[in-house]
Amino acid sequence: IHDYYKTVVNYDYQNYYNIFAPMVYSFYNYKNVSVDEIISDNINYSKKWKYVSIEYLPNTLDIIYQNDNVTELNYQIIYKAKQQEFDSWKVYNLKLKLILDDNNKIISIEEIKL
């Protein structure tokens, strides 16, 4: 989880290949997307929202199920974004559902605004 957010905040797109499975069946509002499509989406997002801050709340981590193939995690973050340096932050309290494959790569990530 920490690596994912560090990668997002630092716009470290090459690391997405280490974090995501080759095909992600759910990436927020998108279905069945490749890592290249996720990178493209994130590049476009970062052009609008140049400043991002993410606070992972580790005490909210809940492992829903774990079997031989997948692990589902739910947790909360405080997500902040702004377009320009001196803009006010837009702040969101989010619950995320993350599903990892047997290689601990993300195959699904979804969010719920709290």
Protein backbone atom coordinates (compact mmCIF):
# COMPACT_ATOMS: atom_id res chain seq x y z
CA ILE A 1 0.00 0.00 0.00
CA HIS A 2 2.79 2.38 0.95
CA ASP A 3 4.66 1.70 -2.32
CA TYR A 4 1.54 2.43 -4.35
CA TYR A 5 0.98 5.85 -2.79
CA LYS A 6 4.65 6.75 -2.88
CA THR A 7 4.61 5.90 -6.60
CA VAL A 8 1.45 7.98 -7.20
CA VAL A 9 2.66 11.07 -5.33
CA ASN A 10 6.09 10.96 -7.00
CA TYR A 11 4.63 10.31 -10.48
CA ASP A 12 6.94 7.29 -10.73
CA TYR A 13 5.14 5.76 -13.70
CA GLN A 14 7.76 3.10 -14.45
CA ASN A 15 7.12 1.58 -11.03
CA TYR A 16 3.49 0.95 -12.01
CA TYR A 17 4.72 -2.17 -13.81
CA ASN A 18 5.91 -3.49 -10.43
CA ILE A 19 2.69 -2.61 -8.61
CA PHE A 20 -0.09 -3.51 -11.07
CA ALA A 21 -0.86 -6.82 -12.75
CA PRO A 22 -0.56 -6.65 -16.57
CA MET A 23 -4.36 -6.44 -16.82
CA VAL A 24 -6.36 -4.70 -14.07
CA TYR A 25 -10.03 -5.61 -14.11
CA SER A 26 -11.11 -2.58 -12.09
CA PHE A 27 -9.21 0.72 -11.81
CA TYR A 28 -11.58 3.19 -10.16
CA ASN A 29 -14.14 3.87 -12.92
CA TYR A 30 -12.36 1.86 -15.63
CA LYS A 31 -12.71 -1.84 -16.36
CA ASN A 32 -10.14 -4.22 -17.87
CA VAL A 33 -7.27 -1.80 -18.37
CA SER A 34 -3.58 -2.36 -19.00
CA VAL A 35 -0.76 -0.79 -17.02
CA ASP A 36 -0.05 1.45 -20.02
CA GLU A 37 -3.65 2.72 -19.93
CA ILE A 38 -3.36 3.37 -16.17
CA ILE A 39 -0.14 5.33 -16.74
CA SER A 40 -1.78 7.37 -19.52
CA ASP A 41 -4.75 8.15 -17.26
CA ASN A 42 -2.45 9.20 -14.43
CA ILE A 43 -0.38 11.44 -16.70
CA ASN A 44 -3.55 13.22 -17.84
CA TYR A 45 -4.74 13.51 -14.22
CA SER A 46 -1.41 14.98 -13.10
CA LYS A 47 -1.61 17.68 -15.78
CA LYS A 48 -4.74 19.03 -14.10
CA TRP A 49 -3.94 18.19 -10.46
CA LYS A 50 -0.25 19.06 -10.15
CA TYR A 51 -0.11 18.81 -6.36
CA VAL A 52 -1.21 15.66 -4.55
CA SER A 53 -0.86 14.55 -0.95
CA ILE A 54 -1.97 11.18 0.37
CA GLU A 55 -2.12 10.16 4.01
CA TYR A 56 -2.59 6.43 4.48
CA LEU A 57 -4.38 5.62 7.75
CA PRO A 58 -2.76 2.31 8.79
CA ASN A 59 -5.10 1.69 11.72
CA THR A 60 -7.98 1.30 9.22
CA LEU A 61 -6.47 -1.65 7.36
CA ASP A 62 -8.88 -4.58 7.18
CA ILE A 63 -7.99 -7.81 5.38
CA ILE A 64 -11.34 -9.09 4.15
CA TYR A 65 -10.26 -12.45 2.78
CA GLN A 66 -7.19 -14.24 1.74
CA ASN A 67 -6.87 -17.43 -0.24
CA ASP A 68 -4.33 -19.04 -2.57
CA ASN A 69 -5.00 -16.56 -5.38
CA VAL A 70 -6.08 -13.17 -4.05
CA THR A 71 -6.07 -10.90 -1.03
CA GLU A 72 -8.67 -8.16 -0.52
CA LEU A 73 -7.79 -5.16 1.61
CA ASN A 74 -9.94 -2.25 2.74
CA TYR A 75 -8.41 0.87 4.23
CA GLN A 76 -8.87 4.62 4.44
CA ILE A 77 -6.82 7.55 3.21
CA ILE A 78 -6.97 11.32 3.35
CA TYR A 79 -6.47 12.46 -0.25
CA LYS A 80 -5.61 16.08 -1.07
CA ALA A 81 -5.20 17.64 -4.50
CA LYS A 82 -4.82 21.11 -5.96
CA GLN A 83 -4.11 22.54 -9.39
CA GLN A 84 -1.72 25.35 -8.51
CA GLU A 85 0.75 25.79 -5.67
CA PHE A 86 -1.20 28.54 -3.90
CA ASP A 87 -4.68 27.02 -4.42
CA SER A 88 -6.59 25.59 -1.50
CA TRP A 89 -6.44 21.83 -1.12
CA LYS A 90 -9.48 19.76 -2.09
CA VAL A 91 -9.65 17.18 0.69
CA TYR A 92 -11.33 13.78 0.48
CA ASN A 93 -11.72 11.10 3.11
CA LEU A 94 -11.75 7.87 1.11
CA LYS A 95 -12.19 4.18 1.76
CA LEU A 96 -10.33 2.03 -0.74
CA LYS A 97 -10.84 -1.57 -1.71
CA LEU A 98 -7.72 -3.15 -3.12
CA ILE A 99 -7.45 -6.68 -4.51
CA LEU A 100 -4.02 -8.25 -4.99
CA ASP A 101 -3.20 -11.32 -7.03
CA ASP A 102 -0.95 -14.16 -5.85
CA ASN A 103 2.09 -12.06 -6.85
CA ASN A 104 0.86 -9.16 -4.66
CA LYS A 105 0.13 -7.04 -7.72
CA ILE A 106 -2.99 -4.90 -7.88
CA ILE A 107 -5.77 -6.41 -9.98
CA SER A 108 -8.51 -4.10 -8.68
CA ILE A 109 -8.69 -0.76 -6.88
CA GLU A 110 -11.90 1.10 -6.09
CA GLU A 111 -12.77 4.02 -3.82
CA ILE A 112 -15.74 5.18 -1.80
CA LYS A 113 -16.03 8.77 -0.59
CA LEU A 114 -16.81 8.87 3.12
